[in-house]
Amino acid sequence: MGAGFVVRRHEIEYRIPAVAGDELLIATWVASIGRATSLRRYEVSRAKDGARIAKASTLWAFVSYETGRLTSIPPEVASKFQIVADA
């Protein structure tokens, strides 16, 4: 294919601290796919009480390996991802 996803931007909002021994649950979903980028969101919560530890997002860019520039996400790649509305 000659192209693939690379991280363009990360954003993390820490809400409360986690401590050693906490069991954490991490949810992730694809929030959107555009012509050459895709937004993935994450939520980290504490298993014992469901408290939200952090929320995050990553903007992925589809880039040509040859040129290093953005290129269109092929339909056969985009169709592999289910878009989930933000929680």
N, C-alpha and C. Protein backbone atom coordinates (compact mmCIF):
# COMPACT_ATOMS: atom_id res chain seq x y z
N MET A 1 0.83 -1.19 0.00
CA MET A 1 0.00 0.00 0.00
C MET A 1 0.88 1.26 0.00
N GLY A 2 2.06 1.19 0.61
CA GLY A 2 2.98 2.32 0.57
C GLY A 2 2.63 3.48 1.48
N ALA A 3 1.70 3.25 2.41
CA ALA A 3 1.29 4.32 3.33
C ALA A 3 0.78 3.69 4.62
N GLY A 4 0.70 4.49 5.67
CA GLY A 4 0.17 3.99 6.93
C GLY A 4 -0.11 5.12 7.90
N PHE A 5 -0.68 4.76 9.04
CA PHE A 5 -1.04 5.74 10.06
C PHE A 5 0.16 6.09 10.93
N VAL A 6 0.31 7.38 11.21
CA VAL A 6 1.29 7.88 12.17
C VAL A 6 0.56 8.85 13.10
N VAL A 7 1.07 9.00 14.31
CA VAL A 7 0.45 9.91 15.27
C VAL A 7 0.77 11.35 14.89
N ARG A 8 -0.26 12.15 14.83
CA ARG A 8 -0.08 13.58 14.56
C ARG A 8 -0.19 14.40 15.85
N ARG A 9 -1.10 13.97 16.76
CA ARG A 9 -1.28 14.71 18.01
C ARG A 9 -1.90 13.80 19.08
N HIS A 10 -1.40 13.94 20.31
CA HIS A 10 -1.99 13.30 21.49
C HIS A 10 -2.51 14.38 22.42
N GLU A 11 -3.61 14.10 23.08
CA GLU A 11 -4.14 14.99 24.10
C GLU A 11 -4.60 14.13 25.26
N ILE A 12 -4.14 14.44 26.47
CA ILE A 12 -4.52 13.66 27.66
C ILE A 12 -4.98 14.63 28.74
N GLU A 13 -6.13 14.34 29.31
CA GLU A 13 -6.63 15.11 30.46
C GLU A 13 -6.65 14.16 31.66
N TYR A 14 -5.79 14.44 32.62
CA TYR A 14 -5.74 13.65 33.85
C TYR A 14 -6.75 14.24 34.82
N ARG A 15 -7.63 13.39 35.37
CA ARG A 15 -8.69 13.88 36.25
C ARG A 15 -8.39 13.60 37.72
N ILE A 16 -8.06 12.37 38.03
CA ILE A 16 -7.69 12.00 39.40
C ILE A 16 -6.53 11.02 39.32
N PRO A 17 -5.74 10.92 40.38
CA PRO A 17 -4.59 10.02 40.32
C PRO A 17 -4.99 8.55 40.45
N ALA A 18 -4.23 7.72 39.83
CA ALA A 18 -4.27 6.27 40.05
C ALA A 18 -3.08 5.96 40.94
N VAL A 19 -3.21 4.93 41.77
CA VAL A 19 -2.11 4.55 42.65
C VAL A 19 -1.74 3.10 42.40
N ALA A 20 -0.53 2.75 42.86
CA ALA A 20 -0.05 1.37 42.70
C ALA A 20 -1.10 0.41 43.24
N GLY A 21 -1.39 -0.61 42.47
CA GLY A 21 -2.37 -1.62 42.86
C GLY A 21 -3.76 -1.39 42.28
N ASP A 22 -4.04 -0.18 41.79
CA ASP A 22 -5.34 0.06 41.15
C ASP A 22 -5.46 -0.77 39.89
N GLU A 23 -6.61 -1.42 39.73
CA GLU A 23 -6.90 -2.09 38.47
C GLU A 23 -7.59 -1.07 37.58
N LEU A 24 -7.04 -0.85 36.39
CA LEU A 24 -7.58 0.16 35.49
C LEU A 24 -8.22 -0.49 34.27
N LEU A 25 -9.28 0.11 33.82
CA LEU A 25 -9.97 -0.32 32.60
C LEU A 25 -9.75 0.76 31.55
N ILE A 26 -9.42 0.34 30.34
CA ILE A 26 -9.18 1.30 29.27
C ILE A 26 -10.12 0.98 28.11
N ALA A 27 -10.91 1.98 27.75
CA ALA A 27 -11.81 1.86 26.60
C ALA A 27 -11.24 2.72 25.48
N THR A 28 -11.37 2.26 24.25
CA THR A 28 -10.92 3.04 23.10
C THR A 28 -11.89 2.83 21.94
N TRP A 29 -12.05 3.88 21.15
CA TRP A 29 -12.95 3.80 20.00
C TRP A 29 -12.54 4.83 18.96
N VAL A 30 -12.92 4.57 17.72
CA VAL A 30 -12.67 5.51 16.63
C VAL A 30 -13.87 6.46 16.59
N ALA A 31 -13.58 7.76 16.77
CA ALA A 31 -14.64 8.77 16.80
C ALA A 31 -14.94 9.32 15.41
N SER A 32 -13.92 9.34 14.54
CA SER A 32 -14.15 9.85 13.18
C SER A 32 -13.03 9.41 12.25
N ILE A 33 -13.38 9.36 10.97
CA ILE A 33 -12.39 9.13 9.92
C ILE A 33 -12.68 10.15 8.83
N GLY A 34 -11.65 10.92 8.50
CA GLY A 34 -11.77 11.92 7.43
C GLY A 34 -11.03 11.44 6.19
N ARG A 35 -10.71 12.37 5.31
CA ARG A 35 -10.01 12.03 4.08
C ARG A 35 -8.64 11.44 4.36
N ALA A 36 -7.89 12.04 5.28
CA ALA A 36 -6.52 11.58 5.54
C ALA A 36 -6.20 11.45 7.03
N THR A 37 -7.20 11.68 7.90
CA THR A 37 -6.96 11.56 9.34
C THR A 37 -8.07 10.78 10.02
N SER A 38 -7.76 10.30 11.21
CA SER A 38 -8.73 9.58 12.01
C SER A 38 -8.53 9.96 13.47
N LEU A 39 -9.63 10.18 14.18
CA LEU A 39 -9.58 10.54 15.59
C LEU A 39 -9.99 9.34 16.43
N ARG A 40 -9.12 8.94 17.36
CA ARG A 40 -9.40 7.84 18.28
C ARG A 40 -9.44 8.42 19.68
N ARG A 41 -10.43 8.01 20.45
CA ARG A 41 -10.58 8.48 21.83
C ARG A 41 -10.35 7.32 22.81
N TYR A 42 -10.00 7.70 24.05
CA TYR A 42 -9.70 6.73 25.10
C TYR A 42 -10.29 7.22 26.41
N GLU A 43 -10.66 6.28 27.26
CA GLU A 43 -11.10 6.60 28.61
C GLU A 43 -10.48 5.59 29.56
N VAL A 44 -9.87 6.09 30.62
CA VAL A 44 -9.26 5.23 31.64
C VAL A 44 -10.07 5.39 32.91
N SER A 45 -10.53 4.27 33.46
CA SER A 45 -11.31 4.32 34.70
C SER A 45 -10.80 3.27 35.69
N ARG A 46 -11.10 3.50 36.95
CA ARG A 46 -10.71 2.58 38.00
C ARG A 46 -11.77 1.49 38.11
N ALA A 47 -11.35 0.24 38.11
CA ALA A 47 -12.29 -0.89 38.08
C ALA A 47 -13.19 -0.95 39.31
N LYS A 48 -12.66 -0.68 40.49
CA LYS A 48 -13.45 -0.90 41.72
C LYS A 48 -14.62 0.05 41.89
N ASP A 49 -14.53 1.26 41.35
CA ASP A 49 -15.62 2.21 41.55
C ASP A 49 -16.03 2.97 40.28
N GLY A 50 -15.37 2.68 39.16
CA GLY A 50 -15.72 3.32 37.90
C GLY A 50 -15.27 4.76 37.78
N ALA A 51 -14.50 5.26 38.75
CA ALA A 51 -14.04 6.65 38.69
C ALA A 51 -13.19 6.87 37.45
N ARG A 52 -13.45 7.97 36.76
CA ARG A 52 -12.69 8.28 35.54
C ARG A 52 -11.34 8.87 35.94
N ILE A 53 -10.29 8.17 35.55
CA ILE A 53 -8.92 8.59 35.85
C ILE A 53 -8.44 9.60 34.81
N ALA A 54 -8.70 9.32 33.56
CA ALA A 54 -8.22 10.18 32.48
C ALA A 54 -9.06 9.97 31.23
N LYS A 55 -9.03 10.96 30.37
CA LYS A 55 -9.59 10.81 29.03
C LYS A 55 -8.54 11.34 28.06
N ALA A 56 -8.54 10.79 26.86
CA ALA A 56 -7.49 11.15 25.91
C ALA A 56 -8.01 11.00 24.48
N SER A 57 -7.24 11.58 23.57
CA SER A 57 -7.53 11.41 22.15
C SER A 57 -6.22 11.44 21.37
N THR A 58 -6.23 10.76 20.25
CA THR A 58 -5.09 10.74 19.35
C THR A 58 -5.59 11.01 17.94
N LEU A 59 -4.96 11.97 17.29
CA LEU A 59 -5.25 12.22 15.88
C LEU A 59 -4.21 11.47 15.07
N TRP A 60 -4.68 10.51 14.29
CA TRP A 60 -3.81 9.71 13.42
C TRP A 60 -3.87 10.29 12.02
N ALA A 61 -2.73 10.35 11.35
CA ALA A 61 -2.66 10.83 9.97
C ALA A 61 -2.20 9.69 9.07
N PHE A 62 -2.82 9.56 7.92
CA PHE A 62 -2.43 8.55 6.94
C PHE A 62 -1.40 9.19 6.02
N VAL A 63 -0.20 8.63 6.00
CA VAL A 63 0.95 9.26 5.37
C VAL A 63 1.60 8.33 4.35
N SER A 64 2.01 8.90 3.24
CA SER A 64 2.78 8.16 2.23
C SER A 64 4.17 7.89 2.77
N TYR A 65 4.63 6.64 2.73
CA TYR A 65 5.98 6.31 3.20
C TYR A 65 7.04 6.94 2.29
N GLU A 66 6.72 7.11 1.03
CA GLU A 66 7.69 7.65 0.08
C GLU A 66 7.91 9.15 0.27
N THR A 67 6.81 9.90 0.44
CA THR A 67 6.92 11.35 0.51
C THR A 67 6.83 11.92 1.92
N GLY A 68 6.26 11.15 2.85
CA GLY A 68 6.05 11.65 4.20
C GLY A 68 4.88 12.62 4.31
N ARG A 69 4.11 12.74 3.25
CA ARG A 69 2.96 13.67 3.23
C ARG A 69 1.65 12.93 3.41
N LEU A 70 0.66 13.70 3.87
CA LEU A 70 -0.68 13.13 4.00
C LEU A 70 -1.15 12.57 2.66
N THR A 71 -1.86 11.47 2.74
CA THR A 71 -2.48 10.88 1.56
C THR A 71 -3.85 10.35 1.96
N SER A 72 -4.72 10.18 1.02
CA SER A 72 -6.08 9.72 1.32
C SER A 72 -6.09 8.33 1.90
N ILE A 73 -6.97 8.14 2.89
CA ILE A 73 -7.17 6.82 3.46
C ILE A 73 -7.98 6.01 2.45
N PRO A 74 -7.45 4.89 1.98
CA PRO A 74 -8.21 4.10 1.00
C PRO A 74 -9.52 3.58 1.61
N PRO A 75 -10.57 3.51 0.81
CA PRO A 75 -11.86 3.01 1.31
C PRO A 75 -11.75 1.63 1.96
N GLU A 76 -10.88 0.77 1.42
CA GLU A 76 -10.76 -0.58 2.00
C GLU A 76 -10.12 -0.55 3.39
N VAL A 77 -9.39 0.50 3.72
CA VAL A 77 -8.84 0.68 5.07
C VAL A 77 -9.89 1.31 5.97
N ALA A 78 -10.49 2.40 5.51
CA ALA A 78 -11.49 3.11 6.31
C ALA A 78 -12.67 2.21 6.67
N SER A 79 -13.05 1.32 5.79
CA SER A 79 -14.21 0.45 6.03
C SER A 79 -13.96 -0.57 7.13
N LYS A 80 -12.74 -0.74 7.57
CA LYS A 80 -12.41 -1.70 8.62
C LYS A 80 -12.70 -1.16 10.02
N PHE A 81 -12.97 0.16 10.11
CA PHE A 81 -13.19 0.80 11.39
C PHE A 81 -14.65 1.17 11.58
N GLN A 82 -15.17 0.86 12.75
CA GLN A 82 -16.53 1.27 13.10
C GLN A 82 -16.44 2.62 13.80
N ILE A 83 -17.21 3.59 13.38
CA ILE A 83 -17.24 4.90 14.01
C ILE A 83 -18.22 4.84 15.17
N VAL A 84 -17.77 5.29 16.35
CA VAL A 84 -18.59 5.27 17.55
C VAL A 84 -18.75 6.71 18.04
N ALA A 85 -19.98 7.11 18.29
CA ALA A 85 -20.23 8.47 18.80
C ALA A 85 -19.54 8.63 20.15
N ASP A 86 -19.10 9.84 20.44
CA ASP A 86 -18.41 10.10 21.71
C ASP A 86 -19.31 9.75 22.89
N ALA A 87 -18.66 9.17 23.89
CA ALA A 87 -19.39 8.76 25.10
C ALA A 87 -19.57 9.93 26.04
